[in-house]
Every structure is written in C-alpha cells, then in structure tokens.
C-alpha atoms as a PDB file:
ATOM      1  CA  MET A   1      48.080 -89.904-124.264  1.00  0.00           C
ATOM      2  CA  ILE A   2      50.139 -88.987-127.428  1.00  0.00           C
ATOM      3  CA  GLY A   3      50.059 -91.226-130.040  1.00  0.00           C
ATOM      4  CA  ILE A   4      53.148 -90.747-133.034  1.00  0.00           C
ATOM      5  CA  LEU A   5      52.023 -92.351-135.998  1.00  0.00           C
ATOM      6  CA  ILE A   6      55.043 -93.888-137.995  1.00  0.00           C
ATOM      7  CA  PHE A   7      55.494 -95.894-141.042  1.00  0.00           C
ATOM      8  CA  PRO A   8      58.397 -97.350-142.741  1.00  0.00           C
ATOM      9  CA  ASP A   9      60.838 -94.732-143.866  1.00  0.00           C
ATOM     10  CA  PHE A  10      59.547 -92.426-141.603  1.00  0.00           C
ATOM     11  CA  GLN A  11      62.143 -89.262-140.773  1.00  0.00           C
ATOM     12  CA  LEU A  12      63.206 -89.930-137.497  1.00  0.00           C
ATOM     13  CA  LEU A  13      63.279 -86.331-136.078  1.00  0.00           C
ATOM     14  CA  ASP A  14      59.521 -85.863-137.402  1.00  0.00           C
ATOM     15  CA  ALA A  15      58.850 -88.638-134.132  1.00  0.00           C
ATOM     16  CA  ALA A  16      61.792 -88.148-131.826  1.00  0.00           C
ATOM     17  CA  GLY A  17      61.450 -83.975-131.615  1.00  0.00           C
ATOM     18  CA  PRO A  18      57.924 -84.048-130.173  1.00  0.00           C
ATOM     19  CA  ILE A  19      58.622 -87.290-128.255  1.00  0.00           C
ATOM     20  CA  SER A  20      61.372 -85.309-126.493  1.00  0.00           C
ATOM     21  CA  VAL A  21      59.024 -82.166-126.002  1.00  0.00           C
ATOM     22  CA  PHE A  22      56.649 -84.005-124.342  1.00  0.00           C
ATOM     23  CA  GLU A  23      58.570 -86.348-122.441  1.00  0.00           C
ATOM     24  CA  ILE A  24      60.144 -83.065-120.547  1.00  0.00           C
ATOM     25  CA  ALA A  25      57.195 -80.893-120.398  1.00  0.00           C
ATOM     26  CA  MET A  26      55.385 -84.263-118.593  1.00  0.00           C
ATOM     27  CA  ARG A  27      58.342 -84.261-116.213  1.00  0.00           C
ATOM     28  CA  HIS A  28      58.102 -80.717-115.398  1.00  0.00           C
ATOM     29  CA  ARG A  29      54.765 -81.465-114.564  1.00  0.00           C
ATOM     30  CA  GLY A  30      55.722 -84.725-112.274  1.00  0.00           C
ATOM     31  CA  ALA A  31      54.245 -87.087-114.418  1.00  0.00           C
ATOM     32  CA  GLY A  32      55.775 -89.931-116.445  1.00  0.00           C
ATOM     33  CA  PRO A  33      55.786 -90.032-120.293  1.00  0.00           C
ATOM     34  CA  ALA A  34      52.515 -91.244-121.619  1.00  0.00           C
ATOM     35  CA  ILE A  35      53.619 -91.263-125.194  1.00  0.00           C
ATOM     36  CA  LYS A  36      53.431 -94.126-127.511  1.00  0.00           C
ATOM     37  CA  THR A  37      54.457 -94.678-131.248  1.00  0.00           C
ATOM     38  CA  ILE A  38      52.072 -96.522-133.517  1.00  0.00           C
ATOM     39  CA  ALA A  39      52.073 -97.795-136.837  1.00  0.00           C
ATOM     40  CA  VAL A  40      49.850-100.037-139.314  1.00  0.00           C
ATOM     41  CA  ASN A  41      51.936-103.032-138.716  1.00  0.00           C
ATOM     42  CA  PRO A  42      53.105-103.369-134.855  1.00  0.00           C
ATOM     43  CA  GLY A  43      57.027-103.980-134.234  1.00  0.00           C
ATOM     44  CA  PRO A  44      60.209-102.444-135.236  1.00  0.00           C
ATOM     45  CA  VAL A  45      59.200 -99.716-137.613  1.00  0.00           C
ATOM     46  CA  ARG A  46      62.332 -98.791-139.883  1.00  0.00           C
ATOM     47  CA  SER A  47      63.174 -95.124-140.378  1.00  0.00           C
ATOM     48  CA  SER A  48      64.739 -93.318-143.230  1.00  0.00           C
ATOM     49  CA  SER A  49      68.063 -93.548-141.269  1.00  0.00           C
ATOM     50  CA  GLY A  50      67.790 -97.174-140.772  1.00  0.00           C
ATOM     51  CA  VAL A  51      67.158 -96.573-136.919  1.00  0.00           C
ATOM     52  CA  GLU A  52      64.214 -98.090-135.577  1.00  0.00           C
ATOM     53  CA  LEU A  53      61.337 -97.594-133.381  1.00  0.00           C
ATOM     54  CA  LEU A  54      58.833-100.021-131.755  1.00  0.00           C
ATOM     55  CA  ALA A  55      55.435 -99.546-132.425  1.00  0.00           C
ATOM     56  CA  ARG A  56      52.044-100.343-131.450  1.00  0.00           C
ATOM     57  CA  GLY A  57      49.082-101.543-133.952  1.00  0.00           C
ATOM     58  CA  LEU A  58      46.369 -99.184-134.819  1.00  0.00           C
ATOM     59  CA  ARG A  59      43.749-100.902-132.682  1.00  0.00           C
ATOM     60  CA  PRO A  60      41.270 -98.264-131.226  1.00  0.00           C
ATOM     61  CA  HIS A  61      43.490 -96.435-128.861  1.00  0.00           C
ATOM     62  CA  ALA A  62      40.986 -94.509-126.792  1.00  0.00           C
ATOM     63  CA  ALA A  63      43.275 -93.011-124.354  1.00  0.00           C
ATOM     64  CA  ILE A  64      44.890 -90.949-127.193  1.00  0.00           C
ATOM     65  CA  THR A  65      44.119 -87.169-126.930  1.00  0.00           C
ATOM     66  CA  THR A  66      46.955 -86.155-129.538  1.00  0.00           C
ATOM     67  CA  LEU A  67      47.661 -87.589-132.598  1.00  0.00           C
ATOM     68  CA  ILE A  68      50.890 -86.653-134.392  1.00  0.00           C
ATOM     69  CA  VAL A  69      51.713 -88.074-137.990  1.00  0.00           C
ATOM     70  CA  ALA A  70      55.232 -88.125-138.955  1.00  0.00           C
ATOM     71  CA  GLY A  71      56.436 -87.493-142.468  1.00  0.00           C
ATOM     72  CA  GLY A  72      59.319 -88.903-144.413  1.00  0.00           C
ATOM     73  CA  SER A  73      60.480 -90.480-147.544  1.00  0.00           C
ATOM     74  CA  GLY A  74      57.729 -92.977-147.216  1.00  0.00           C
ATOM     75  CA  ILE A  75      55.389 -90.696-146.985  1.00  0.00           C
ATOM     76  CA  ARG A  76      53.360 -91.432-150.830  1.00  0.00           C
ATOM     77  CA  ILE A  77      52.745 -95.261-149.672  1.00  0.00           C
ATOM     78  CA  ALA A  78      51.615 -94.504-146.465  1.00  0.00           C
ATOM     79  CA  ALA A  79      49.447 -91.781-147.942  1.00  0.00           C
ATOM     80  CA  LYS A  80      47.682 -94.441-149.732  1.00  0.00           C
ATOM     81  CA  CYS A  81      47.386 -96.975-147.126  1.00  0.00           C
ATOM     82  CA  GLU A  82      43.647 -97.146-146.496  1.00  0.00           C
ATOM     83  CA  LYS A  83      44.185 -98.776-142.980  1.00  0.00           C
ATOM     84  CA  THR A  84      46.573 -95.463-141.898  1.00  0.00           C
ATOM     85  CA  LEU A  85      43.726 -93.344-143.487  1.00  0.00           C
ATOM     86  CA  GLY A  86      40.909 -94.749-141.612  1.00  0.00           C
ATOM     87  CA  PHE A  87      42.612 -94.415-138.582  1.00  0.00           C
ATOM     88  CA  VAL A  88      43.126 -90.790-138.969  1.00  0.00           C
ATOM     89  CA  ARG A  89      39.590 -90.330-139.877  1.00  0.00           C
ATOM     90  CA  ALA A  90      38.386 -91.603-136.780  1.00  0.00           C
ATOM     91  CA  MET A  91      40.862 -89.821-134.822  1.00  0.00           C
ATOM     92  CA  GLY A  92      39.667 -86.800-136.504  1.00  0.00           C
ATOM     93  CA  ARG A  93      35.890 -87.697-136.056  1.00  0.00           C
ATOM     94  CA  ARG A  94      36.478 -88.258-132.274  1.00  0.00           C
ATOM     95  CA  GLY A  95      37.753 -84.817-131.670  1.00  0.00           C
ATOM     96  CA  VAL A  96      41.373 -85.791-131.094  1.00  0.00           C
ATOM     97  CA  ARG A  97      43.525 -83.155-132.099  1.00  0.00           C
ATOM     98  CA  VAL A  98      45.290 -84.221-134.820  1.00  0.00           C
ATOM     99  CA  ALA A  99      48.828 -82.884-136.561  1.00  0.00           C
ATOM    100  CA  SER A 100      51.243 -83.607-138.654  1.00  0.00           C
ATOM    101  CA  VAL A 101      54.900 -82.847-138.976  1.00  0.00           C
ATOM    102  CA  CYS A 102      56.476 -82.169-142.506  1.00  0.00           C
ATOM    103  CA  SER A 103      55.275 -84.129-144.935  1.00  0.00           C
ATOM    104  CA  GLY A 104      52.998 -85.909-142.824  1.00  0.00           C
ATOM    105  CA  ALA A 105      50.504 -83.478-143.923  1.00  0.00           C
ATOM    106  CA  TYR A 106      49.804 -85.544-147.187  1.00  0.00           C
ATOM    107  CA  ILE A 107      48.288 -88.299-144.941  1.00  0.00           C
ATOM    108  CA  LEU A 108      46.224 -85.758-143.166  1.00  0.00           C
ATOM    109  CA  ALA A 109      44.751 -84.508-146.668  1.00  0.00           C
ATOM    110  CA  GLU A 110      44.465 -87.542-147.988  1.00  0.00           C
ATOM    111  CA  ALA A 111      42.189 -88.550-144.937  1.00  0.00           C
ATOM    112  CA  GLY A 112      40.282 -85.565-145.945  1.00  0.00           C
ATOM    113  CA  LEU A 113      40.870 -83.544-142.821  1.00  0.00           C
ATOM    114  CA  LEU A 114      42.857 -80.646-144.493  1.00  0.00           C
ATOM    115  CA  ASP A 115      40.065 -79.744-147.050  1.00  0.00           C
ATOM    116  CA  GLY A 116      38.867 -75.720-146.379  1.00  0.00           C
ATOM    117  CA  ARG A 117      41.520 -75.904-143.645  1.00  0.00           C
ATOM    118  CA  ARG A 118      44.970 -73.845-143.182  1.00  0.00           C
ATOM    119  CA  ALA A 119      47.540 -75.783-143.435  1.00  0.00           C
ATOM    120  CA  THR A 120      51.348 -76.378-144.207  1.00  0.00           C
ATOM    121  CA  THR A 121      53.882 -78.284-145.304  1.00  0.00           C
ATOM    122  CA  HIS A 122      57.832 -78.580-145.988  1.00  0.00           C
ATOM    123  CA  TRP A 123      58.573 -75.656-148.194  1.00  0.00           C
ATOM    124  CA  ARG A 124      60.076 -78.334-150.693  1.00  0.00           C
ATOM    125  CA  ARG A 125      56.847 -79.544-150.983  1.00  0.00           C
ATOM    126  CA  THR A 126      54.754 -76.730-151.770  1.00  0.00           C
ATOM    127  CA  GLN A 127      54.500 -76.748-155.425  1.00  0.00           C
ATOM    128  CA  ASP A 128      53.229 -80.595-155.304  1.00  0.00           C
ATOM    129  CA  PHE A 129      51.001 -80.231-152.389  1.00  0.00           C
ATOM    130  CA  LEU A 130      49.330 -77.116-154.025  1.00  0.00           C
ATOM    131  CA  ALA A 131      48.426 -79.230-157.140  1.00  0.00           C
ATOM    132  CA  ALA A 132      47.466 -82.505-155.208  1.00  0.00           C
ATOM    133  CA  TYR A 133      45.460 -80.676-152.760  1.00  0.00           C
ATOM    134  CA  PRO A 134      43.633 -77.618-153.982  1.00  0.00           C
ATOM    135  CA  LYS A 135      41.075 -77.634-151.704  1.00  0.00           C
ATOM    136  CA  VAL A 136      43.640 -77.172-148.885  1.00  0.00           C
ATOM    137  CA  LYS A 137      44.459 -73.566-147.763  1.00  0.00           C
ATOM    138  CA  LEU A 138      47.926 -73.840-148.162  1.00  0.00           C
ATOM    139  CA  GLU A 139      49.883 -71.192-146.031  1.00  0.00           C
ATOM    140  CA  PRO A 140      53.829 -72.320-147.179  1.00  0.00           C
ATOM    141  CA  ASP A 141      55.141 -69.685-144.927  1.00  0.00           C
ATOM    142  CA  ARG A 142      54.334 -70.877-141.937  1.00  0.00           C
ATOM    143  CA  ILE A 143      56.240 -72.768-139.316  1.00  0.00           C
ATOM    144  CA  PHE A 144      53.196 -74.354-138.217  1.00  0.00           C
ATOM    145  CA  THR A 145      49.344 -73.640-138.270  1.00  0.00           C
ATOM    146  CA  ARG A 146      46.465 -74.714-136.351  1.00  0.00           C
ATOM    147  CA  ASP A 147      42.888 -74.706-137.769  1.00  0.00           C
ATOM    148  CA  GLY A 148      40.587 -76.338-134.887  1.00  0.00           C
ATOM    149  CA  ASN A 149      41.628 -79.577-133.785  1.00  0.00           C
ATOM    150  CA  ILE A 150      43.858 -79.944-136.965  1.00  0.00           C
ATOM    151  CA  TRP A 151      47.482 -78.816-136.724  1.00  0.00           C
ATOM    152  CA  THR A 152      50.226 -79.165-139.441  1.00  0.00           C
ATOM    153  CA  SER A 153      53.934 -78.296-139.518  1.00  0.00           C
ATOM    154  CA  ALA A 154      56.529 -77.399-141.576  1.00  0.00           C
ATOM    155  CA  GLY A 155      59.786 -79.098-142.081  1.00  0.00           C
ATOM    156  CA  ILE A 156      61.082 -81.588-139.856  1.00  0.00           C
ATOM    157  CA  SER A 157      62.663 -79.574-136.841  1.00  0.00           C
ATOM    158  CA  ALA A 158      59.398 -77.542-137.127  1.00  0.00           C
ATOM    159  CA  GLY A 159      57.958 -80.152-135.566  1.00  0.00           C
ATOM    160  CA  ILE A 160      59.376 -78.886-131.973  1.00  0.00           C
ATOM    161  CA  ASP A 161      57.876 -75.991-132.462  1.00  0.00           C
ATOM    162  CA  LEU A 162      54.416 -77.442-133.183  1.00  0.00           C
ATOM    163  CA  ALA A 163      55.016 -79.425-130.099  1.00  0.00           C
ATOM    164  CA  LEU A 164      55.996 -76.771-127.900  1.00  0.00           C
ATOM    165  CA  ALA A 165      52.495 -74.856-128.804  1.00  0.00           C
ATOM    166  CA  MET A 166      50.842 -77.763-127.758  1.00  0.00           C
ATOM    167  CA  VAL A 167      52.532 -77.752-124.147  1.00  0.00           C
ATOM    168  CA  ALA A 168      51.761 -74.360-123.975  1.00  0.00           C
ATOM    169  CA  GLU A 169      48.331 -74.869-124.640  1.00  0.00           C
ATOM    170  CA  ASP A 170      48.069 -77.859-122.013  1.00  0.00           C
ATOM    171  CA  PHE A 171      50.467 -77.021-119.414  1.00  0.00           C
ATOM    172  CA  GLY A 172      50.780 -73.193-119.874  1.00  0.00           C
ATOM    173  CA  ASP A 173      53.313 -70.941-120.857  1.00  0.00           C
ATOM    174  CA  GLU A 174      55.766 -71.522-117.606  1.00  0.00           C
ATOM    175  CA  VAL A 175      56.037 -75.384-118.641  1.00  0.00           C
ATOM    176  CA  ALA A 176      56.629 -74.394-122.286  1.00  0.00           C
ATOM    177  CA  ARG A 177      59.373 -72.123-121.642  1.00  0.00           C
ATOM    178  CA  ASP A 178      61.232 -74.581-119.133  1.00  0.00           C
ATOM    179  CA  THR A 179      60.864 -77.100-121.644  1.00  0.00           C
ATOM    180  CA  ALA A 180      62.237 -75.153-124.621  1.00  0.00           C
ATOM    181  CA  ARG A 181      64.886 -74.267-122.274  1.00  0.00           C
ATOM    182  CA  GLN A 182      66.019 -77.485-121.361  1.00  0.00           C
ATOM    183  CA  LEU A 183      66.249 -78.468-125.023  1.00  0.00           C
ATOM    184  CA  VAL A 184      68.326 -75.425-125.052  1.00  0.00           C
ATOM    185  CA  LEU A 185      65.615 -73.853-127.712  1.00  0.00           C
ATOM    186  CA  TYR A 186      63.583 -70.770-128.710  1.00  0.00           C
ATOM    187  CA  HIS A 187      60.273 -70.798-126.864  1.00  0.00           C
ATOM    188  CA  ARG A 188      58.610 -69.327-129.971  1.00  0.00           C
ATOM    189  CA  ARG A 189      60.786 -69.176-133.063  1.00  0.00           C
ATOM    190  CA  SER A 190      60.022 -66.066-134.798  1.00  0.00           C
ATOM    191  CA  GLY A 191      59.594 -65.970-138.339  1.00  0.00           C
ATOM    192  CA  GLY A 192      58.323 -68.756-141.603  1.00  0.00           C
ATOM    193  CA  GLN A 193      60.228 -71.120-143.277  1.00  0.00           C
ATOM    194  CA  SER A 194      61.258 -68.284-145.576  1.00  0.00           C
ATOM    195  CA  GLN A 195      64.141 -68.155-143.096  1.00  0.00           C
ATOM    196  CA  PHE A 196      65.244 -71.354-144.085  1.00  0.00           C
ATOM    197  CA  SER A 197      63.942 -72.017-147.661  1.00  0.00           C
ATOM    198  CA  SER A 198      66.392 -71.015-150.475  1.00  0.00           C
ATOM    199  CA  LEU A 199      63.292 -71.091-152.791  1.00  0.00           C
ATOM    200  CA  LEU A 200      61.018 -68.833-150.465  1.00  0.00           C
ATOM    201  CA  GLU A 201      63.900 -66.956-148.764  1.00  0.00           C
ATOM    202  CA  LEU A 202      64.326 -65.252-152.237  1.00  0.00           C
ATOM    203  CA  LYS A 203      67.641 -63.775-151.463  1.00  0.00           C
ATOM    204  CA  ALA A 204      69.249 -65.696-154.493  1.00  0.00           C
ATOM    205  CA  PRO A 205      66.357 -66.898-156.405  1.00  0.00           C
ATOM    206  CA  THR A 206      67.184 -69.335-159.291  1.00  0.00           C
ATOM    207  CA  GLY A 207      64.706 -70.676-161.887  1.00  0.00           C
ATOM    208  CA  ARG A 208      62.941 -68.765-164.411  1.00  0.00           C
ATOM    209  CA  PHE A 209      61.782 -65.658-162.336  1.00  0.00           C
ATOM    210  CA  GLY A 210      65.286 -65.567-160.451  1.00  0.00           C
ATOM    211  CA  PRO A 211      66.486 -62.355-162.169  1.00  0.00           C
ATOM    212  CA  LEU A 212      63.060 -60.600-161.922  1.00  0.00           C
ATOM    213  CA  LEU A 213      62.963 -60.982-158.078  1.00  0.00           C
ATOM    214  CA  ALA A 214      66.814 -60.354-157.904  1.00  0.00           C
ATOM    215  CA  TRP A 215      65.771 -56.975-159.652  1.00  0.00           C
ATOM    216  CA  ALA A 216      62.732 -56.345-157.431  1.00  0.00           C
ATOM    217  CA  ARG A 217      64.830 -56.601-154.371  1.00  0.00           C
ATOM    218  CA  GLU A 218      66.850 -53.796-155.635  1.00  0.00           C
ATOM    219  CA  HIS A 219      64.043 -51.742-156.424  1.00  0.00           C
ATOM    220  CA  LEU A 220      61.647 -52.354-153.281  1.00  0.00           C
ATOM    221  CA  ASP A 221      61.219 -48.247-153.246  1.00  0.00           C
ATOM    222  CA  GLU A 222      58.752 -48.747-156.387  1.00  0.00           C
ATOM    223  CA  PRO A 223      55.413 -49.862-156.775  1.00  0.00           C
ATOM    224  CA  LEU A 224      55.844 -53.484-157.509  1.00  0.00           C
ATOM    225  CA  THR A 225      52.531 -54.231-158.691  1.00  0.00           C
ATOM    226  CA  VAL A 226      51.576 -57.522-160.270  1.00  0.00           C
ATOM    227  CA  GLU A 227      51.003 -55.655-163.457  1.00  0.00           C
ATOM    228  CA  ALA A 228      54.515 -53.989-163.262  1.00  0.00           C
ATOM    229  CA  LEU A 229      56.262 -57.269-162.658  1.00  0.00           C
ATOM    230  CA  ALA A 230      54.432 -59.179-165.319  1.00  0.00           C
ATOM    231  CA  GLU A 231      55.565 -56.292-167.701  1.00  0.00           C
ATOM    232  CA  ARG A 232      58.930 -57.015-166.975  1.00  0.00           C
ATOM    233  CA  ALA A 233      58.797 -60.565-167.037  1.00  0.00           C
ATOM    234  CA  GLY A 234      57.331 -60.172-170.634  1.00  0.00           C
ATOM    235  CA  MET A 235      54.306 -62.080-170.368  1.00  0.00           C
ATOM    236  CA  SER A 236      50.461 -61.235-169.645  1.00  0.00           C
ATOM    237  CA  THR A 237      49.224 -60.565-165.941  1.00  0.00           C
ATOM    238  CA  ARG A 238      46.972 -63.688-166.030  1.00  0.00           C
ATOM    239  CA  HIS A 239      50.152 -66.113-167.473  1.00  0.00           C
ATOM    240  CA  PHE A 240      52.642 -64.432-165.326  1.00  0.00           C
ATOM    241  CA  THR A 241      50.538 -64.909-161.999  1.00  0.00           C
ATOM    242  CA  ARG A 242      49.879 -68.452-162.532  1.00  0.00           C
ATOM    243  CA  ALA A 243      53.190 -69.597-163.753  1.00  0.00           C
ATOM    244  CA  PHE A 244      54.984 -67.620-160.920  1.00  0.00           C
ATOM    245  CA  MET A 245      52.568 -69.510-158.585  1.00  0.00           C
ATOM    246  CA  ALA A 246      53.636 -73.097-160.050  1.00  0.00           C
ATOM    247  CA  GLU A 247      57.073 -72.290-159.713  1.00  0.00           C
ATOM    248  CA  THR A 248      57.478 -70.440-156.116  1.00  0.00           C
ATOM    249  CA  GLY A 249      54.394 -71.390-154.633  1.00  0.00           C
ATOM    250  CA  SER A 250      53.509 -67.900-153.600  1.00  0.00           C
ATOM    251  CA  THR A 251      51.625 -65.141-155.405  1.00  0.00           C
ATOM    252  CA  PRO A 252      54.156 -62.250-156.815  1.00  0.00           C
ATOM    253  CA  SER A 253      52.334 -59.987-154.277  1.00  0.00           C
ATOM    254  CA  LYS A 254      53.147 -62.252-151.306  1.00  0.00           C
ATOM    255  CA  ALA A 255      57.055 -62.584-152.689  1.00  0.00           C
ATOM    256  CA  VAL A 256      57.461 -58.790-152.779  1.00  0.00           C
ATOM    257  CA  GLU A 257      56.140 -58.382-149.112  1.00  0.00           C
ATOM    258  CA  ARG A 258      58.620 -61.431-148.101  1.00  0.00           C
ATOM    259  CA  LEU A 259      61.302 -59.263-150.018  1.00  0.00           C
ATOM    260  CA  ARG A 260      60.445 -56.259-148.245  1.00  0.00           C
ATOM    261  CA  ILE A 261      59.955 -57.945-144.705  1.00  0.00           C
ATOM    262  CA  GLU A 262      63.388 -59.120-145.061  1.00  0.00           C
ATOM    263  CA  VAL A 263      65.257 -56.153-146.152  1.00  0.00           C
ATOM    264  CA  ALA A 264      62.840 -54.422-143.773  1.00  0.00           C
ATOM    265  CA  ARG A 265      64.211 -56.573-140.757  1.00  0.00           C
ATOM    266  CA  GLU A 266      67.938 -56.351-141.592  1.00  0.00           C
ATOM    267  CA  GLN A 267      68.197 -52.863-141.729  1.00  0.00           C
ATOM    268  CA  VAL A 268      65.635 -52.497-138.220  1.00  0.00           C
ATOM    269  CA  GLN A 269      68.136 -54.927-136.793  1.00  0.00           C
ATOM    270  CA  SER A 270      71.753 -53.807-138.184  1.00  0.00           C
ATOM    271  CA  SER A 271      71.390 -50.310-138.375  1.00  0.00           C
ATOM    272  CA  SER A 272      69.795 -47.203-136.504  1.00  0.00           C
ATOM    273  CA  ALA A 273      67.729 -45.908-139.141  1.00  0.00           C
ATOM    274  CA  ALA A 274      64.183 -44.708-137.986  1.00  0.00           C
ATOM    275  CA  ILE A 275      61.350 -47.373-138.627  1.00  0.00           C
ATOM    276  CA  GLU A 276      59.576 -44.631-140.660  1.00  0.00           C
ATOM    277  CA  ARG A 277      62.430 -44.448-142.753  1.00  0.00           C
ATOM    278  CA  VAL A 278      62.628 -48.338-143.225  1.00  0.00           C
ATOM    279  CA  ALA A 279      59.243 -48.253-144.102  1.00  0.00           C
ATOM    280  CA  GLU A 280      59.792 -45.496-146.776  1.00  0.00           C
ATOM    281  CA  THR A 281      62.783 -47.164-148.510  1.00  0.00           C
ATOM    282  CA  THR A 282      61.306 -50.506-148.196  1.00  0.00           C
ATOM    283  CA  GLY A 283      58.284 -49.925-149.962  1.00  0.00           C
ATOM    284  CA  PHE A 284      55.928 -50.214-147.347  1.00  0.00           C
ATOM    285  CA  ARG A 285      55.757 -46.350-147.076  1.00  0.00           C
ATOM    286  CA  ASP A 286      53.159 -46.319-143.845  1.00  0.00           C
ATOM    287  CA  PRO A 287      55.043 -47.698-140.645  1.00  0.00           C
ATOM    288  CA  GLU A 288      51.661 -49.324-139.259  1.00  0.00           C
ATOM    289  CA  ARG A 289      51.515 -51.523-142.684  1.00  0.00           C
ATOM    290  CA  MET A 290      55.138 -52.480-142.114  1.00  0.00           C
ATOM    291  CA  ARG A 291      54.232 -53.189-138.492  1.00  0.00           C
ATOM    292  CA  ARG A 292      51.235 -55.518-139.409  1.00  0.00           C
ATOM    293  CA  ALA A 293      53.925 -57.050-142.019  1.00  0.00           C
ATOM    294  CA  PHE A 294      56.275 -58.400-138.911  1.00  0.00           C
ATOM    295  CA  LEU A 295      53.646 -59.244-136.783  1.00  0.00           C
ATOM    296  CA  ARG A 296      52.006 -61.445-139.610  1.00  0.00           C
ATOM    297  CA  ALA A 297      55.971 -63.003-140.592  1.00  0.00           C
ATOM    298  CA  PHE A 298      57.784 -62.580-137.004  1.00  0.00           C
ATOM    299  CA  GLY A 299      54.951 -62.430-134.278  1.00  0.00           C
ATOM    300  CA  GLN A 300      56.667 -59.101-133.120  1.00  0.00           C
ATOM    301  CA  PRO A 301      56.725 -55.616-134.240  1.00  0.00           C
ATOM    302  CA  PRO A 302      60.111 -53.813-135.608  1.00  0.00           C
ATOM    303  CA  GLN A 303      60.599 -52.033-132.222  1.00  0.00           C
ATOM    304  CA  SER A 304      60.675 -55.528-130.495  1.00  0.00           C
ATOM    305  CA  LEU A 305      63.227 -56.980-133.079  1.00  0.00           C
ATOM    306  CA  ARG A 306      65.642 -53.884-132.932  1.00  0.00           C
ATOM    307  CA  ARG A 307      65.419 -54.544-129.022  1.00  0.00           C
ATOM    308  CA  ALA A 308      66.142 -58.078-129.011  1.00  0.00           C
ATOM    309  CA  ALA A 309      69.219 -57.419-131.690  1.00  0.00           C
ATOM    310  CA  ARG A 310      70.775 -54.945-129.782  1.00  0.00           C
ATOM    311  CA  ALA A 311      70.335 -56.797-126.430  1.00  0.00           C
ATOM    312  CA  GLY A 312      72.089 -59.761-128.385  1.00  0.00           C
END
C-alpha cells in the first residue's frame, strides 16, 4: 500500500501527482488503487490551495510499503510535530520505502532519516536546508535522489518523476512508460533542477555574484579556476568559496560546470558543430569529459541529445 503523509497547508500537487501515477500504474497492472492519505489528525486536511483531502490517522499501518511525505507552506510546523516524526522514523526502521516531495525533505531530515545520505529538495530551499541540516549530502540540482530505501525529490512536479521511477522499480519499465504516456509526460525527464531554477540556471544570474557569473558564461573557454574567479571577485579564495556557496547553494566549480553544460547543450542541439569543437569552445577540452558531464546532468550523452533534437 502507498501511504501519502499530508498536513495542514500541504502542497496539493505534492500529494496528487504521486497518487495519480500509482493509480494509473496499478490499473495497468489490473489492480485497484491501494493508496491512502494519512495525517496526525484524521479527517479533512486543508491544502495551501484550500482544497481538502480526507486522511486517516497515524495509527500503525502494517500494510504500508511506501510512504511519501508531501511538502508545502505548512512544512515548518509539520517538521516539528513529534507524532509525525515518530511515525516517519518507525516507517524507516521497518525498512519501508520512505520518500519526500519538495520541502517534505524537512520532515525526513528532522526525523534523522537523511543523516549521511544523499538528498534533494526544492531549489528555493537549498540555502536554508544546507544551513539547517549539515549532515545531509544535499544534491541541489537533482530531480530526485535515491539512497537506499530513502528517496527525495525536488520541487512539486518532481514528485511525479519520483513516483514514475518507483513504478518502474515495482512493475517494470513498460508499465512506467505506459503510465507516463497516459499522463502525457516524459517517462524519464532529462536534466536537473537547473533547467527550471532562475538561481541555479545561471543564465541571468542576480545577486552578489551575478556579474561574475555573467562574465564567466562569456569566457567558458578559459581556465575558470576557483582561484581565478576569486581574484576577479576581489576576494580571497577561501572567503569567496564560502560566500558563493552560501548565496547559490553550489560550489564555484559546480556552477562553472553547469554553465558549460548549458551552453554546450545549446550548441549540441541547435548547431552542426562537431562534438569535439563544442567541447573545446565550452571549456571541457576533452569530449569524454563533456560526455561524462552530460550523463550526470541529463542521463544521456551529447550525441543522444542531438539526435533527439533533430528528430523533434
């Protein structure tokens, strides 16, 4: 059974997205939906939109095999609720597959389930999450992560991506593809949150390091080392690295790599330039190095993205 944990002022799509994915997947399997919404206080639970879902209480649910925790504007209060945290911890100890959508990661972190684990959350929460939970290995540019039986996903609609991945694990890729097709969605969305985040995308950066990043984007063929960036910013390397991380949620080297990936992707998809030439002009130098970066970011090599763009 799939349990969806909600709380007052939860984000409706955080719950409804995974619910719809599992509903359709189970129907493809010829079974009725085995999905329950649960909350500290049983009964109607009001979402931040005003729409209510009917929830069961947090009594022991032995039938739950997957617990998905929603996020939303009410997360601060929910993440301090001892009944909620105790329930989530108990599910984790039982070996239940526990997941969060968006800011639902705060509940998992408060319950201690993310200590020492890789995780992600909504890009707008990156800076706050890093400060609050230093033991978590936050990967801010992932659509979703999996570390053992603990899954976390990025902002709102990423819960659908997470649920599709779970369906693929439970029922196979064919069911996941059929489910995505019925929902008119990509089976596997390529890229990370940087596609959608105005801060992490770094195309039109704002804030303290905006001009520096804009300059870096125009000089990707140069060796943009941390030391070189710090010197241009007029700061010591150590101070620059700490300040940059605090503002952007990314290390300078990761930010430069994302800039290179984004510009390289544009060139790969919209031009006929040789892959080797793209790697040279965007600072990767080595095509193999660029290929590995594309696999990390998009799950596909440059040639596959080019073929897909031309087919489209």
